[in-house]
Amino acid sequence: MTTDEVDRRILRALQDDGRISIVDLADRVGLSPTPCNRRVRKLEEAGLISGYSARIDHKAAGFGITAFVSVELERQQGEEITRFQSRVAQFEEVVTGALMTGSQDFLLEVVVGSLEEYELFLQSRLMKVPGVRAVRSRFALRKFISRSRIP
């Protein structure tokens, strides 16, 4: 889908406030409500808007520990990669996961309430996934950037 400047203004406004009403959104981007609503629906149908959600502060919600976990698989074949992704997608502690280039196959962002919870997650869940060869964990001291918007 190609977007024009009005679509980009809509996307920027929705990234700033996903709960904005169509009337207020239309006013902000210089449209009347009906065409604005049509454009929003078109952006949703095209997949540019993939959903709406609330951003929850991890620490305030009791998840004060963030670990970035590099995972290396025994084999990097399609079937093993797919199996690993399916299993890890079921772990609520994993808030982001990416297939990587280089020496590590995956990078996971894991949030838990304590180091004890992380140890339990690591030993009873992640290390039990078939095909995991090595895991390396790094703990975030604090976040200084956390955005959900794109430029």
C-alpha atoms as a PDB file:
ATOM      1  CA  MET A   1       0.000   0.000   0.000  1.00  0.00           C
ATOM      2  CA  THR A   2       1.252   3.456  -0.820  1.00  0.00           C
ATOM      3  CA  THR A   3       0.643   6.169   1.731  1.00  0.00           C
ATOM      4  CA  ASP A   4       0.329   9.892   1.281  1.00  0.00           C
ATOM      5  CA  GLU A   5       1.036  12.718   3.718  1.00  0.00           C
ATOM      6  CA  VAL A   6      -2.469  12.516   5.241  1.00  0.00           C
ATOM      7  CA  ASP A   7      -2.017   8.787   5.939  1.00  0.00           C
ATOM      8  CA  ARG A   8       1.333   9.513   7.574  1.00  0.00           C
ATOM      9  CA  ARG A   9      -0.253  12.230   9.744  1.00  0.00           C
ATOM     10  CA  ILE A  10      -2.929   9.716  10.785  1.00  0.00           C
ATOM     11  CA  LEU A  11      -0.279   7.137  11.673  1.00  0.00           C
ATOM     12  CA  ARG A  12       1.752   9.669  13.683  1.00  0.00           C
ATOM     13  CA  ALA A  13      -1.344  10.822  15.570  1.00  0.00           C
ATOM     14  CA  LEU A  14      -2.403   7.244  16.368  1.00  0.00           C
ATOM     15  CA  GLN A  15       1.098   6.413  17.603  1.00  0.00           C
ATOM     16  CA  ASP A  16       0.878   9.386  19.963  1.00  0.00           C
ATOM     17  CA  ASP A  17      -2.619   8.480  21.156  1.00  0.00           C
ATOM     18  CA  GLY A  18      -4.208   5.207  20.065  1.00  0.00           C
ATOM     19  CA  ARG A  19      -7.382   6.083  21.970  1.00  0.00           C
ATOM     20  CA  ILE A  20      -8.056   9.338  20.119  1.00  0.00           C
ATOM     21  CA  SER A  21     -11.600   9.599  18.804  1.00  0.00           C
ATOM     22  CA  ILE A  22     -12.207   9.686  15.056  1.00  0.00           C
ATOM     23  CA  VAL A  23     -13.599  13.200  15.405  1.00  0.00           C
ATOM     24  CA  ASP A  24     -10.447  14.453  17.172  1.00  0.00           C
ATOM     25  CA  LEU A  25      -8.198  12.511  14.801  1.00  0.00           C
ATOM     26  CA  ALA A  26      -9.968  13.976  11.779  1.00  0.00           C
ATOM     27  CA  ASP A  27      -9.579  17.463  13.218  1.00  0.00           C
ATOM     28  CA  ARG A  28      -5.882  16.892  13.906  1.00  0.00           C
ATOM     29  CA  VAL A  29      -5.119  15.679  10.357  1.00  0.00           C
ATOM     30  CA  GLY A  30      -7.387  18.110   8.516  1.00  0.00           C
ATOM     31  CA  LEU A  31     -10.186  15.793   7.355  1.00  0.00           C
ATOM     32  CA  SER A  32     -13.834  15.358   8.168  1.00  0.00           C
ATOM     33  CA  PRO A  33     -14.679  12.288  10.308  1.00  0.00           C
ATOM     34  CA  THR A  34     -16.102  10.023   7.567  1.00  0.00           C
ATOM     35  CA  PRO A  35     -13.093  10.136   5.193  1.00  0.00           C
ATOM     36  CA  CYS A  36     -10.744   9.942   8.170  1.00  0.00           C
ATOM     37  CA  ASN A  37     -12.491   6.795   9.409  1.00  0.00           C
ATOM     38  CA  ARG A  38     -12.280   5.296   5.904  1.00  0.00           C
ATOM     39  CA  ARG A  39      -8.534   5.957   5.802  1.00  0.00           C
ATOM     40  CA  VAL A  40      -8.008   4.410   9.244  1.00  0.00           C
ATOM     41  CA  ARG A  41      -9.912   1.275   8.173  1.00  0.00           C
ATOM     42  CA  LYS A  42      -7.867   1.116   4.952  1.00  0.00           C
ATOM     43  CA  LEU A  43      -4.617   1.380   6.965  1.00  0.00           C
ATOM     44  CA  GLU A  44      -5.840  -1.411   9.272  1.00  0.00           C
ATOM     45  CA  GLU A  45      -6.868  -3.671   6.369  1.00  0.00           C
ATOM     46  CA  ALA A  46      -3.493  -3.114   4.681  1.00  0.00           C
ATOM     47  CA  GLY A  47      -1.726  -4.192   7.867  1.00  0.00           C
ATOM     48  CA  LEU A  48       0.017  -0.873   8.497  1.00  0.00           C
ATOM     49  CA  ILE A  49      -1.977  -0.604  11.720  1.00  0.00           C
ATOM     50  CA  SER A  50      -1.608  -4.034  13.276  1.00  0.00           C
ATOM     51  CA  GLY A  51      -3.510  -3.359  16.491  1.00  0.00           C
ATOM     52  CA  TYR A  52      -4.035  -1.122  19.487  1.00  0.00           C
ATOM     53  CA  SER A  53      -2.779  -1.657  23.004  1.00  0.00           C
ATOM     54  CA  ALA A  54      -1.831   0.036  26.259  1.00  0.00           C
ATOM     55  CA  ARG A  55       1.842   0.400  27.174  1.00  0.00           C
ATOM     56  CA  ILE A  56       2.388  -1.050  30.643  1.00  0.00           C
ATOM     57  CA  ASP A  57       5.336   0.038  32.751  1.00  0.00           C
ATOM     58  CA  HIS A  58       7.157  -3.219  33.523  1.00  0.00           C
ATOM     59  CA  LYS A  59       8.569  -2.074  36.838  1.00  0.00           C
ATOM     60  CA  ALA A  60       5.272  -0.631  38.091  1.00  0.00           C
ATOM     61  CA  ALA A  61       3.575  -3.920  37.145  1.00  0.00           C
ATOM     62  CA  GLY A  62       6.047  -5.911  39.271  1.00  0.00           C
ATOM     63  CA  PHE A  63       8.464  -6.968  36.526  1.00  0.00           C
ATOM     64  CA  GLY A  64      11.594  -5.153  37.646  1.00  0.00           C
ATOM     65  CA  ILE A  65      14.088  -7.483  35.959  1.00  0.00           C
ATOM     66  CA  THR A  66      14.688  -7.296  32.209  1.00  0.00           C
ATOM     67  CA  ALA A  67      17.093  -9.782  30.657  1.00  0.00           C
ATOM     68  CA  PHE A  68      18.309  -9.851  27.078  1.00  0.00           C
ATOM     69  CA  VAL A  69      18.930 -13.492  26.304  1.00  0.00           C
ATOM     70  CA  SER A  70      20.967 -14.755  23.351  1.00  0.00           C
ATOM     71  CA  VAL A  71      20.106 -18.298  22.315  1.00  0.00           C
ATOM     72  CA  GLU A  72      22.144 -20.578  20.093  1.00  0.00           C
ATOM     73  CA  LEU A  73      20.528 -23.672  18.614  1.00  0.00           C
ATOM     74  CA  GLU A  74      22.274 -26.977  17.937  1.00  0.00           C
ATOM     75  CA  ARG A  75      21.135 -26.826  14.292  1.00  0.00           C
ATOM     76  CA  GLN A  76      19.987 -23.819  12.290  1.00  0.00           C
ATOM     77  CA  GLN A  77      17.631 -25.665   9.956  1.00  0.00           C
ATOM     78  CA  GLY A  78      14.168 -24.373   9.126  1.00  0.00           C
ATOM     79  CA  GLU A  79      12.292 -27.003  11.102  1.00  0.00           C
ATOM     80  CA  GLU A  80      14.325 -26.465  14.289  1.00  0.00           C
ATOM     81  CA  ILE A  81      13.997 -22.674  14.007  1.00  0.00           C
ATOM     82  CA  THR A  82      10.229 -22.920  13.554  1.00  0.00           C
ATOM     83  CA  ARG A  83       9.895 -25.348  16.468  1.00  0.00           C
ATOM     84  CA  PHE A  84      11.931 -23.073  18.755  1.00  0.00           C
ATOM     85  CA  GLN A  85       9.913 -19.994  17.789  1.00  0.00           C
ATOM     86  CA  SER A  86       6.611 -21.789  18.411  1.00  0.00           C
ATOM     87  CA  ARG A  87       7.685 -22.977  21.864  1.00  0.00           C
ATOM     88  CA  VAL A  88       9.155 -19.661  23.002  1.00  0.00           C
ATOM     89  CA  ALA A  89       6.112 -17.719  21.748  1.00  0.00           C
ATOM     90  CA  GLN A  90       4.140 -19.529  24.487  1.00  0.00           C
ATOM     91  CA  PHE A  91       6.327 -18.126  27.283  1.00  0.00           C
ATOM     92  CA  GLU A  92       4.646 -14.995  28.693  1.00  0.00           C
ATOM     93  CA  GLU A  93       7.950 -13.813  30.163  1.00  0.00           C
ATOM     94  CA  VAL A  94       9.310 -13.280  26.632  1.00  0.00           C
ATOM     95  CA  VAL A  95       8.071  -9.872  25.494  1.00  0.00           C
ATOM     96  CA  THR A  96      10.106  -9.661  22.276  1.00  0.00           C
ATOM     97  CA  GLY A  97      11.961 -12.219  20.214  1.00  0.00           C
ATOM     98  CA  ALA A  98      14.073 -11.845  17.096  1.00  0.00           C
ATOM     99  CA  LEU A  99      15.861 -14.217  14.736  1.00  0.00           C
ATOM    100  CA  MET A 100      19.399 -12.845  14.467  1.00  0.00           C
ATOM    101  CA  THR A 101      22.408 -12.979  12.207  1.00  0.00           C
ATOM    102  CA  GLY A 102      25.847 -13.849  13.556  1.00  0.00           C
ATOM    103  CA  SER A 103      26.891 -16.293  16.232  1.00  0.00           C
ATOM    104  CA  GLN A 104      23.622 -16.206  18.187  1.00  0.00           C
ATOM    105  CA  ASP A 105      20.426 -17.433  16.568  1.00  0.00           C
ATOM    106  CA  PHE A 106      17.843 -15.581  18.677  1.00  0.00           C
ATOM    107  CA  LEU A 107      17.665 -12.563  20.942  1.00  0.00           C
ATOM    108  CA  LEU A 108      14.872 -12.583  23.514  1.00  0.00           C
ATOM    109  CA  GLU A 109      13.747  -9.840  25.867  1.00  0.00           C
ATOM    110  CA  VAL A 110      12.524 -11.463  29.062  1.00  0.00           C
ATOM    111  CA  VAL A 111      10.772  -9.700  31.958  1.00  0.00           C
ATOM    112  CA  VAL A 112      10.369 -11.203  35.430  1.00  0.00           C
ATOM    113  CA  GLY A 113       9.868  -9.983  38.976  1.00  0.00           C
ATOM    114  CA  SER A 114      13.105 -11.237  40.509  1.00  0.00           C
ATOM    115  CA  LEU A 115      16.360 -13.039  39.807  1.00  0.00           C
ATOM    116  CA  GLU A 116      14.845 -16.141  41.373  1.00  0.00           C
ATOM    117  CA  GLU A 117      11.975 -16.008  38.866  1.00  0.00           C
ATOM    118  CA  TYR A 118      14.498 -15.609  36.046  1.00  0.00           C
ATOM    119  CA  GLU A 119      16.450 -18.640  37.249  1.00  0.00           C
ATOM    120  CA  LEU A 120      13.237 -20.667  37.356  1.00  0.00           C
ATOM    121  CA  PHE A 121      12.271 -19.490  33.855  1.00  0.00           C
ATOM    122  CA  LEU A 122      15.725 -20.329  32.523  1.00  0.00           C
ATOM    123  CA  GLN A 123      16.030 -23.777  34.086  1.00  0.00           C
ATOM    124  CA  SER A 124      12.463 -25.054  33.874  1.00  0.00           C
ATOM    125  CA  ARG A 125      11.336 -23.511  30.591  1.00  0.00           C
ATOM    126  CA  LEU A 126      13.915 -22.068  28.206  1.00  0.00           C
ATOM    127  CA  MET A 127      16.639 -24.684  28.706  1.00  0.00           C
ATOM    128  CA  LYS A 128      14.007 -27.435  28.310  1.00  0.00           C
ATOM    129  CA  VAL A 129      13.242 -26.374  24.725  1.00  0.00           C
ATOM    130  CA  PRO A 130      14.654 -29.073  22.427  1.00  0.00           C
ATOM    131  CA  GLY A 131      17.630 -28.012  20.353  1.00  0.00           C
ATOM    132  CA  VAL A 132      18.971 -25.232  22.605  1.00  0.00           C
ATOM    133  CA  ARG A 133      22.762 -25.406  22.667  1.00  0.00           C
ATOM    134  CA  ALA A 134      23.745 -22.249  24.575  1.00  0.00           C
ATOM    135  CA  VAL A 135      22.115 -19.360  26.401  1.00  0.00           C
ATOM    136  CA  ARG A 136      23.769 -16.092  27.400  1.00  0.00           C
ATOM    137  CA  SER A 137      21.940 -13.585  29.588  1.00  0.00           C
ATOM    138  CA  ARG A 138      22.549  -9.881  30.050  1.00  0.00           C
ATOM    139  CA  PHE A 139      20.530  -7.846  32.522  1.00  0.00           C
ATOM    140  CA  ALA A 140      19.381  -4.297  31.866  1.00  0.00           C
ATOM    141  CA  LEU A 141      20.297  -1.860  34.625  1.00  0.00           C
ATOM    142  CA  ARG A 142      17.713   0.657  33.417  1.00  0.00           C
ATOM    143  CA  LYS A 143      15.991   1.668  30.213  1.00  0.00           C
ATOM    144  CA  PHE A 144      16.596   5.139  28.926  1.00  0.00           C
ATOM    145  CA  ILE A 145      14.618   4.749  25.702  1.00  0.00           C
ATOM    146  CA  SER A 146      11.419   2.782  25.336  1.00  0.00           C
ATOM    147  CA  ARG A 147       9.325   3.684  22.339  1.00  0.00           C
ATOM    148  CA  SER A 148       6.557   1.969  20.553  1.00  0.00           C
ATOM    149  CA  ARG A 149       6.460   4.504  17.729  1.00  0.00           C
ATOM    150  CA  ILE A 150       8.452   4.402  14.524  1.00  0.00           C
ATOM    151  CA  PRO A 151       9.777   7.474  12.694  1.00  0.00           C
END
